[in-house]
Amino acid sequence: MYNVQDVIKAARGLRAYLAVDPEGMPHLGGTQAKLAGSLIGMRKFKCEWSGKCQWALQGSPAWSDNRLRSAGIDPVTWRITDKRRAAFAWQQLRTDPHHYSASRQEILVGDANNETPDLHVPLIYSDQRDNLKPKTEPAQKQHFKREIIDYLRDRGAV
């Protein structure tokens, strides 16, 4: 399970690295990296020389700072400054396709009729959801046969 603070920490590290090295960095895997990349505005591209996938900022570091501000995060302290904006940003990142859009954020925040989502709802993937459900044992073939025999015996057929 991931929460908004995990994604902010990952975004801080990615943003710091990409601000220093505009050439890009090796493609990262993992949910936190993907969500953080969407938050700070990263793009994936294929390196001409190596043919490997790399990530880089789509715009300048100032452009990325504006994205963070629109998500309710201060790009200097990396703390949530506007809980309403952060809640809508986290909702965008949690829901499919796990993408943050600054323009959609302005629409969501600007509409006073939109109820502010819960900022503390964790992101749970389907395999994690399956682990949280109580397990029920499937009927075994022998058990199923025993039930049929008992049923037929009760009916006087056996």
N, C-alpha and C. Protein backbone atom coordinates (compact mmCIF):
# COMPACT_ATOMS: atom_id res chain seq x y z
N MET A 1 0.84 -1.17 0.00
CA MET A 1 0.00 0.00 0.00
C MET A 1 0.89 1.23 0.00
N TYR A 2 0.50 2.20 -0.77
CA TYR A 2 1.25 3.44 -0.87
C TYR A 2 0.38 4.59 -0.40
N ASN A 3 1.01 5.59 0.23
CA ASN A 3 0.27 6.79 0.59
C ASN A 3 0.91 8.00 -0.06
N VAL A 4 0.29 9.13 0.11
CA VAL A 4 0.74 10.34 -0.57
C VAL A 4 2.14 10.75 -0.12
N GLN A 5 2.49 10.53 1.14
CA GLN A 5 3.83 10.90 1.61
C GLN A 5 4.92 10.07 0.94
N ASP A 6 4.65 8.80 0.66
CA ASP A 6 5.62 7.95 -0.04
C ASP A 6 5.89 8.49 -1.44
N VAL A 7 4.83 8.91 -2.11
CA VAL A 7 4.97 9.44 -3.47
C VAL A 7 5.71 10.78 -3.45
N ILE A 8 5.44 11.62 -2.47
CA ILE A 8 6.14 12.91 -2.37
C ILE A 8 7.64 12.69 -2.15
N LYS A 9 8.00 11.74 -1.30
CA LYS A 9 9.43 11.44 -1.07
C LYS A 9 10.11 10.96 -2.35
N ALA A 10 9.43 10.09 -3.09
CA ALA A 10 10.00 9.60 -4.34
C ALA A 10 10.10 10.73 -5.36
N ALA A 11 9.10 11.60 -5.42
CA ALA A 11 9.12 12.73 -6.35
C ALA A 11 10.28 13.68 -6.02
N ARG A 12 10.52 13.89 -4.74
CA ARG A 12 11.62 14.77 -4.32
C ARG A 12 12.96 14.25 -4.82
N GLY A 13 13.19 12.95 -4.65
CA GLY A 13 14.44 12.37 -5.10
C GLY A 13 14.59 12.39 -6.61
N LEU A 14 13.53 12.04 -7.32
CA LEU A 14 13.58 12.07 -8.79
C LEU A 14 13.80 13.47 -9.31
N ARG A 15 13.08 14.42 -8.74
CA ARG A 15 13.18 15.81 -9.19
C ARG A 15 14.57 16.36 -8.96
N ALA A 16 15.17 16.03 -7.82
CA ALA A 16 16.53 16.50 -7.51
C ALA A 16 17.52 15.92 -8.51
N TYR A 17 17.38 14.66 -8.84
CA TYR A 17 18.29 14.03 -9.78
C TYR A 17 18.14 14.63 -11.17
N LEU A 18 16.90 14.79 -11.62
CA LEU A 18 16.67 15.28 -12.98
C LEU A 18 17.02 16.75 -13.14
N ALA A 19 16.96 17.52 -12.07
CA ALA A 19 17.35 18.93 -12.15
C ALA A 19 18.86 19.05 -12.34
N VAL A 20 19.62 18.10 -11.82
CA VAL A 20 21.07 18.12 -11.94
C VAL A 20 21.53 17.54 -13.28
N ASP A 21 20.85 16.49 -13.73
CA ASP A 21 21.25 15.80 -14.96
C ASP A 21 20.11 15.86 -15.98
N PRO A 22 20.08 16.88 -16.83
CA PRO A 22 18.99 17.01 -17.80
C PRO A 22 19.03 15.95 -18.90
N GLU A 23 20.12 15.21 -18.99
CA GLU A 23 20.21 14.15 -20.01
C GLU A 23 19.24 13.02 -19.73
N GLY A 24 18.83 12.88 -18.49
CA GLY A 24 17.91 11.81 -18.13
C GLY A 24 18.58 10.80 -17.23
N MET A 25 17.81 9.90 -16.76
CA MET A 25 18.31 8.86 -15.88
C MET A 25 17.76 7.53 -16.37
N PRO A 26 18.34 6.43 -15.93
CA PRO A 26 17.80 5.14 -16.33
C PRO A 26 16.34 4.99 -15.91
N HIS A 27 15.58 4.30 -16.72
CA HIS A 27 14.16 4.09 -16.43
C HIS A 27 14.00 3.33 -15.13
N LEU A 28 13.14 3.82 -14.27
CA LEU A 28 12.90 3.17 -12.99
C LEU A 28 11.60 2.40 -13.04
N GLY A 29 11.53 1.38 -12.27
CA GLY A 29 10.30 0.62 -12.14
C GLY A 29 9.69 0.88 -10.79
N GLY A 30 8.56 0.32 -10.56
CA GLY A 30 7.93 0.46 -9.27
C GLY A 30 6.84 1.51 -9.28
N THR A 31 5.88 1.30 -8.43
CA THR A 31 4.71 2.16 -8.38
C THR A 31 5.04 3.55 -7.90
N GLN A 32 5.82 3.67 -6.84
CA GLN A 32 6.14 5.00 -6.32
C GLN A 32 6.86 5.84 -7.35
N ALA A 33 7.78 5.26 -8.09
CA ALA A 33 8.51 6.01 -9.10
C ALA A 33 7.59 6.47 -10.22
N LYS A 34 6.66 5.62 -10.64
CA LYS A 34 5.75 5.99 -11.70
C LYS A 34 4.80 7.10 -11.26
N LEU A 35 4.26 6.99 -10.05
CA LEU A 35 3.37 8.02 -9.54
C LEU A 35 4.11 9.33 -9.33
N ALA A 36 5.32 9.24 -8.78
CA ALA A 36 6.13 10.44 -8.56
C ALA A 36 6.50 11.09 -9.90
N GLY A 37 6.82 10.27 -10.88
CA GLY A 37 7.14 10.80 -12.21
C GLY A 37 5.97 11.53 -12.83
N SER A 38 4.79 11.00 -12.66
CA SER A 38 3.60 11.66 -13.17
C SER A 38 3.36 12.98 -12.44
N LEU A 39 3.64 13.01 -11.16
CA LEU A 39 3.43 14.21 -10.36
C LEU A 39 4.37 15.34 -10.77
N ILE A 40 5.64 15.04 -11.01
CA ILE A 40 6.59 16.11 -11.34
C ILE A 40 6.70 16.36 -12.84
N GLY A 41 6.04 15.54 -13.65
CA GLY A 41 6.02 15.79 -15.09
C GLY A 41 7.20 15.17 -15.82
N MET A 42 7.40 13.88 -15.63
CA MET A 42 8.48 13.19 -16.33
C MET A 42 7.94 12.53 -17.58
N ARG A 43 8.81 12.33 -18.52
CA ARG A 43 8.46 11.61 -19.74
C ARG A 43 9.47 10.49 -19.93
N LYS A 44 9.01 9.43 -20.59
CA LYS A 44 9.89 8.30 -20.88
C LYS A 44 10.28 8.38 -22.35
N PHE A 45 11.55 8.18 -22.63
CA PHE A 45 12.01 8.19 -24.01
C PHE A 45 13.07 7.12 -24.20
N LYS A 46 13.32 6.79 -25.44
CA LYS A 46 14.33 5.79 -25.76
C LYS A 46 15.63 6.51 -26.15
N CYS A 47 16.71 6.12 -25.50
CA CYS A 47 18.01 6.72 -25.77
C CYS A 47 18.48 6.32 -27.17
N GLU A 48 18.96 7.30 -27.94
CA GLU A 48 19.42 7.03 -29.30
C GLU A 48 20.65 6.13 -29.32
N TRP A 49 21.52 6.29 -28.33
CA TRP A 49 22.79 5.56 -28.34
C TRP A 49 22.66 4.15 -27.79
N SER A 50 22.03 4.04 -26.64
CA SER A 50 21.96 2.73 -25.99
C SER A 50 20.69 1.95 -26.34
N GLY A 51 19.65 2.66 -26.76
CA GLY A 51 18.38 2.01 -27.06
C GLY A 51 17.57 1.68 -25.82
N LYS A 52 18.06 2.10 -24.65
CA LYS A 52 17.35 1.84 -23.40
C LYS A 52 16.38 2.98 -23.10
N CYS A 53 15.34 2.66 -22.34
CA CYS A 53 14.38 3.67 -21.92
C CYS A 53 14.98 4.51 -20.80
N GLN A 54 14.76 5.81 -20.88
CA GLN A 54 15.20 6.74 -19.84
C GLN A 54 14.07 7.69 -19.53
N TRP A 55 14.19 8.37 -18.37
CA TRP A 55 13.20 9.36 -17.96
C TRP A 55 13.87 10.73 -17.91
N ALA A 56 13.11 11.76 -18.25
CA ALA A 56 13.57 13.14 -18.14
C ALA A 56 12.37 14.02 -17.87
N LEU A 57 12.61 15.23 -17.37
CA LEU A 57 11.52 16.19 -17.18
C LEU A 57 10.99 16.63 -18.53
N GLN A 58 9.67 16.81 -18.61
CA GLN A 58 9.07 17.26 -19.86
C GLN A 58 9.40 18.72 -20.14
N GLY A 59 9.51 19.51 -19.10
CA GLY A 59 9.82 20.93 -19.25
C GLY A 59 11.00 21.30 -18.38
N SER A 60 11.06 22.57 -18.03
CA SER A 60 12.15 23.06 -17.18
C SER A 60 11.85 22.73 -15.72
N PRO A 61 12.85 22.87 -14.85
CA PRO A 61 12.58 22.68 -13.42
C PRO A 61 11.52 23.66 -12.88
N ALA A 62 11.46 24.88 -13.44
CA ALA A 62 10.43 25.84 -13.02
C ALA A 62 9.04 25.34 -13.41
N TRP A 63 8.94 24.72 -14.58
CA TRP A 63 7.66 24.14 -15.03
C TRP A 63 7.24 23.03 -14.08
N SER A 64 8.19 22.21 -13.67
CA SER A 64 7.91 21.13 -12.72
C SER A 64 7.49 21.69 -11.37
N ASP A 65 8.11 22.79 -10.94
CA ASP A 65 7.72 23.44 -9.68
C ASP A 65 6.27 23.90 -9.74
N ASN A 66 5.84 24.42 -10.88
CA ASN A 66 4.46 24.87 -11.03
C ASN A 66 3.49 23.69 -10.94
N ARG A 67 3.89 22.55 -11.48
CA ARG A 67 3.05 21.34 -11.36
C ARG A 67 2.90 20.94 -9.90
N LEU A 68 4.01 21.00 -9.16
CA LEU A 68 3.95 20.65 -7.74
C LEU A 68 3.06 21.62 -6.97
N ARG A 69 3.18 22.91 -7.28
CA ARG A 69 2.32 23.90 -6.61
C ARG A 69 0.85 23.65 -6.91
N SER A 70 0.55 23.26 -8.15
CA SER A 70 -0.85 22.99 -8.50
C SER A 70 -1.37 21.76 -7.77
N ALA A 71 -0.45 20.87 -7.35
CA ALA A 71 -0.82 19.69 -6.58
C ALA A 71 -0.85 19.97 -5.08
N GLY A 72 -0.62 21.21 -4.68
CA GLY A 72 -0.66 21.57 -3.26
C GLY A 72 0.60 21.26 -2.50
N ILE A 73 1.73 21.11 -3.21
CA ILE A 73 3.01 20.77 -2.58
C ILE A 73 4.00 21.91 -2.82
N ASP A 74 4.68 22.34 -1.77
CA ASP A 74 5.70 23.37 -1.90
C ASP A 74 6.96 22.73 -2.45
N PRO A 75 7.47 23.19 -3.62
CA PRO A 75 8.64 22.55 -4.22
C PRO A 75 9.95 22.79 -3.47
N VAL A 76 9.97 23.71 -2.53
CA VAL A 76 11.19 23.97 -1.76
C VAL A 76 11.24 23.06 -0.52
N THR A 77 10.17 23.05 0.24
CA THR A 77 10.15 22.25 1.47
C THR A 77 9.59 20.84 1.26
N TRP A 78 8.92 20.60 0.15
CA TRP A 78 8.29 19.33 -0.18
C TRP A 78 7.26 18.92 0.87
N ARG A 79 6.54 19.91 1.36
CA ARG A 79 5.46 19.66 2.31
C ARG A 79 4.14 20.07 1.67
N ILE A 80 3.08 19.45 2.11
CA ILE A 80 1.75 19.79 1.60
C ILE A 80 1.34 21.13 2.17
N THR A 81 1.08 22.10 1.28
CA THR A 81 0.68 23.43 1.71
C THR A 81 -0.82 23.66 1.54
N ASP A 82 -1.44 22.98 0.61
CA ASP A 82 -2.87 23.11 0.36
C ASP A 82 -3.47 21.71 0.36
N LYS A 83 -4.16 21.37 1.44
CA LYS A 83 -4.68 20.00 1.58
C LYS A 83 -5.75 19.69 0.55
N ARG A 84 -6.56 20.67 0.16
CA ARG A 84 -7.60 20.42 -0.85
C ARG A 84 -6.97 20.06 -2.19
N ARG A 85 -5.97 20.84 -2.60
CA ARG A 85 -5.28 20.54 -3.86
C ARG A 85 -4.56 19.19 -3.79
N ALA A 86 -3.91 18.93 -2.67
CA ALA A 86 -3.19 17.67 -2.51
C ALA A 86 -4.15 16.48 -2.53
N ALA A 87 -5.33 16.64 -1.96
CA ALA A 87 -6.31 15.56 -1.96
C ALA A 87 -6.78 15.25 -3.37
N PHE A 88 -7.04 16.28 -4.18
CA PHE A 88 -7.46 16.04 -5.55
C PHE A 88 -6.32 15.46 -6.39
N ALA A 89 -5.10 15.90 -6.13
CA ALA A 89 -3.95 15.34 -6.85
C ALA A 89 -3.77 13.86 -6.50
N TRP A 90 -3.89 13.53 -5.22
CA TRP A 90 -3.74 12.14 -4.79
C TRP A 90 -4.86 11.28 -5.38
N GLN A 91 -6.06 11.84 -5.48
CA GLN A 91 -7.16 11.11 -6.09
C GLN A 91 -6.85 10.81 -7.56
N GLN A 92 -6.30 11.79 -8.27
CA GLN A 92 -5.92 11.57 -9.67
C GLN A 92 -4.86 10.48 -9.79
N LEU A 93 -3.87 10.50 -8.91
CA LEU A 93 -2.80 9.51 -8.97
C LEU A 93 -3.29 8.11 -8.58
N ARG A 94 -4.25 8.04 -7.66
CA ARG A 94 -4.76 6.74 -7.22
C ARG A 94 -5.64 6.06 -8.26
N THR A 95 -6.39 6.85 -9.00
CA THR A 95 -7.35 6.28 -9.94
C THR A 95 -6.68 6.05 -11.29
N ASP A 96 -7.29 5.20 -12.09
CA ASP A 96 -6.74 4.91 -13.42
C ASP A 96 -6.79 6.14 -14.27
N PRO A 97 -5.83 6.35 -15.09
CA PRO A 97 -4.65 5.55 -15.38
C PRO A 97 -3.43 5.97 -14.57
N HIS A 98 -3.61 6.36 -13.32
CA HIS A 98 -2.50 6.75 -12.43
C HIS A 98 -1.67 7.88 -13.05
N HIS A 99 -2.37 8.91 -13.46
CA HIS A 99 -1.74 10.03 -14.15
C HIS A 99 -2.21 11.32 -13.50
N TYR A 100 -1.30 12.27 -13.34
CA TYR A 100 -1.64 13.58 -12.78
C TYR A 100 -1.67 14.60 -13.91
N SER A 101 -2.77 15.32 -14.02
CA SER A 101 -2.92 16.37 -15.02
C SER A 101 -3.16 17.69 -14.30
N ALA A 102 -2.29 18.67 -14.52
CA ALA A 102 -2.43 19.97 -13.87
C ALA A 102 -3.68 20.69 -14.36
N SER A 103 -4.03 20.54 -15.65
CA SER A 103 -5.23 21.21 -16.16
C SER A 103 -6.49 20.59 -15.56
N ARG A 104 -6.52 19.29 -15.43
CA ARG A 104 -7.68 18.64 -14.78
C ARG A 104 -7.74 19.03 -13.32
N GLN A 105 -6.59 19.20 -12.69
CA GLN A 105 -6.53 19.62 -11.29
C GLN A 105 -7.23 20.96 -11.10
N GLU A 106 -6.98 21.90 -12.00
CA GLU A 106 -7.60 23.23 -11.88
C GLU A 106 -9.12 23.14 -12.01
N ILE A 107 -9.61 22.24 -12.86
CA ILE A 107 -11.06 22.05 -13.01
C ILE A 107 -11.64 21.46 -11.73
N LEU A 108 -10.97 20.45 -11.17
CA LEU A 108 -11.47 19.80 -9.96
C LEU A 108 -11.47 20.74 -8.77
N VAL A 109 -10.39 21.48 -8.60
CA VAL A 109 -10.27 22.38 -7.45
C VAL A 109 -11.18 23.60 -7.61
N GLY A 110 -11.34 24.07 -8.85
CA GLY A 110 -12.13 25.27 -9.10
C GLY A 110 -13.62 25.07 -8.90
N ASP A 111 -14.12 23.85 -9.01
CA ASP A 111 -15.54 23.59 -8.84
C ASP A 111 -15.85 23.44 -7.36
N ALA A 112 -16.60 24.38 -6.80
CA ALA A 112 -16.92 24.36 -5.37
C ALA A 112 -17.86 23.21 -5.01
N ASN A 113 -18.55 22.65 -5.99
CA ASN A 113 -19.47 21.55 -5.72
C ASN A 113 -18.75 20.21 -5.52
N ASN A 114 -17.50 20.12 -5.93
CA ASN A 114 -16.73 18.89 -5.74
C ASN A 114 -16.37 18.73 -4.28
N GLU A 115 -16.74 17.59 -3.74
CA GLU A 115 -16.38 17.29 -2.36
C GLU A 115 -14.91 16.90 -2.31
N THR A 116 -14.19 17.42 -1.33
CA THR A 116 -12.77 17.13 -1.19
C THR A 116 -12.58 15.67 -0.82
N PRO A 117 -11.79 14.91 -1.63
CA PRO A 117 -11.55 13.50 -1.31
C PRO A 117 -10.65 13.36 -0.09
N ASP A 118 -10.62 12.16 0.46
CA ASP A 118 -9.79 11.88 1.62
C ASP A 118 -8.34 11.76 1.18
N LEU A 119 -7.48 12.52 1.83
CA LEU A 119 -6.05 12.53 1.49
C LEU A 119 -5.33 11.30 2.02
N HIS A 120 -5.92 10.61 2.98
CA HIS A 120 -5.22 9.51 3.65
C HIS A 120 -5.66 8.14 3.15
N VAL A 121 -6.34 8.08 2.03
CA VAL A 121 -6.73 6.79 1.45
C VAL A 121 -5.51 6.20 0.76
N PRO A 122 -5.12 4.98 1.12
CA PRO A 122 -3.94 4.38 0.48
C PRO A 122 -4.28 3.84 -0.90
N LEU A 123 -3.26 3.70 -1.72
CA LEU A 123 -3.40 3.09 -3.04
C LEU A 123 -3.24 1.59 -2.87
N ILE A 124 -4.24 0.83 -3.26
CA ILE A 124 -4.20 -0.62 -3.13
C ILE A 124 -4.43 -1.22 -4.51
N TYR A 125 -3.50 -2.05 -4.96
CA TYR A 125 -3.65 -2.72 -6.25
C TYR A 125 -4.48 -3.99 -6.10
N SER A 126 -4.92 -4.52 -7.21
CA SER A 126 -5.83 -5.66 -7.18
C SER A 126 -5.23 -6.87 -6.46
N ASP A 127 -3.94 -7.13 -6.65
CA ASP A 127 -3.36 -8.28 -5.96
C ASP A 127 -3.29 -8.04 -4.45
N GLN A 128 -3.11 -6.79 -4.05
CA GLN A 128 -3.13 -6.47 -2.63
C GLN A 128 -4.55 -6.58 -2.09
N ARG A 129 -5.55 -6.15 -2.91
CA ARG A 129 -6.94 -6.26 -2.50
C ARG A 129 -7.32 -7.72 -2.28
N ASP A 130 -6.83 -8.59 -3.16
CA ASP A 130 -7.13 -10.02 -3.03
C ASP A 130 -6.57 -10.58 -1.73
N ASN A 131 -5.42 -10.07 -1.31
CA ASN A 131 -4.81 -10.55 -0.06
C ASN A 131 -5.58 -10.06 1.16
N LEU A 132 -6.33 -8.96 1.03
CA LEU A 132 -7.08 -8.43 2.15
C LEU A 132 -8.42 -9.13 2.33
N LYS A 133 -8.93 -9.79 1.30
CA LYS A 133 -10.22 -10.47 1.38
C LYS A 133 -10.07 -11.77 2.17
N PRO A 134 -11.12 -12.14 2.91
CA PRO A 134 -11.04 -13.44 3.60
C PRO A 134 -11.04 -14.57 2.58
N LYS A 135 -10.22 -15.54 2.86
CA LYS A 135 -10.09 -16.67 1.94
C LYS A 135 -11.18 -17.70 2.21
N THR A 136 -11.77 -18.21 1.15
CA THR A 136 -12.72 -19.30 1.27
C THR A 136 -12.13 -20.49 0.54
N GLU A 137 -12.24 -21.63 1.14
CA GLU A 137 -11.66 -22.82 0.53
C GLU A 137 -12.58 -23.35 -0.56
N PRO A 138 -12.03 -23.66 -1.71
CA PRO A 138 -12.86 -24.26 -2.75
C PRO A 138 -13.22 -25.69 -2.36
N ALA A 139 -14.35 -26.13 -2.86
CA ALA A 139 -14.79 -27.49 -2.55
C ALA A 139 -13.82 -28.49 -3.16
N GLN A 140 -13.40 -29.45 -2.37
CA GLN A 140 -12.52 -30.50 -2.85
C GLN A 140 -13.36 -31.56 -3.56
N LYS A 141 -12.76 -32.26 -4.51
CA LYS A 141 -13.50 -33.29 -5.24
C LYS A 141 -14.00 -34.37 -4.29
N GLN A 142 -13.18 -34.81 -3.35
CA GLN A 142 -13.58 -35.86 -2.44
C GLN A 142 -14.72 -35.38 -1.54
N HIS A 143 -14.63 -34.14 -1.10
CA HIS A 143 -15.67 -33.57 -0.25
C HIS A 143 -16.98 -33.48 -1.02
N PHE A 144 -16.90 -33.06 -2.26
CA PHE A 144 -18.07 -32.94 -3.12
C PHE A 144 -18.72 -34.31 -3.36
N LYS A 145 -17.90 -35.31 -3.60
CA LYS A 145 -18.42 -36.67 -3.80
C LYS A 145 -19.11 -37.17 -2.53
N ARG A 146 -18.52 -36.88 -1.37
CA ARG A 146 -19.10 -37.30 -0.10
C ARG A 146 -20.49 -36.68 0.07
N GLU A 147 -20.66 -35.40 -0.30
CA GLU A 147 -21.95 -34.74 -0.18
C GLU A 147 -22.99 -35.40 -1.09
N ILE A 148 -22.60 -35.79 -2.29
CA ILE A 148 -23.52 -36.44 -3.23
C ILE A 148 -23.95 -37.81 -2.67
N ILE A 149 -22.98 -38.56 -2.17
CA ILE A 149 -23.29 -39.88 -1.61
C ILE A 149 -24.24 -39.74 -0.41
N ASP A 150 -23.97 -38.78 0.48
CA ASP A 150 -24.84 -38.55 1.64
C ASP A 150 -26.24 -38.14 1.20
N TYR A 151 -26.34 -37.32 0.18
CA TYR A 151 -27.64 -36.87 -0.32
C TYR A 151 -28.42 -38.06 -0.88
N LEU A 152 -27.77 -38.87 -1.70
CA LEU A 152 -28.44 -40.03 -2.29
C LEU A 152 -28.83 -41.04 -1.22
N ARG A 153 -28.00 -41.23 -0.20
CA ARG A 153 -28.30 -42.15 0.90
C ARG A 153 -29.54 -41.68 1.66
N ASP A 154 -29.62 -40.35 1.89
CA ASP A 154 -30.79 -39.79 2.59
C ASP A 154 -32.06 -39.98 1.77
N ARG A 155 -31.95 -39.94 0.46
CA ARG A 155 -33.11 -40.12 -0.41
C ARG A 155 -33.46 -41.59 -0.62
N GLY A 156 -32.61 -42.47 -0.13
CA GLY A 156 -32.87 -43.89 -0.24
C GLY A 156 -32.48 -44.49 -1.58
N ALA A 157 -31.67 -43.73 -2.36
CA ALA A 157 -31.26 -44.20 -3.68
C ALA A 157 -30.04 -45.10 -3.59
N VAL A 158 -29.29 -45.05 -2.53
CA VAL A 158 -28.08 -45.85 -2.42
C VAL A 158 -28.23 -46.89 -1.36
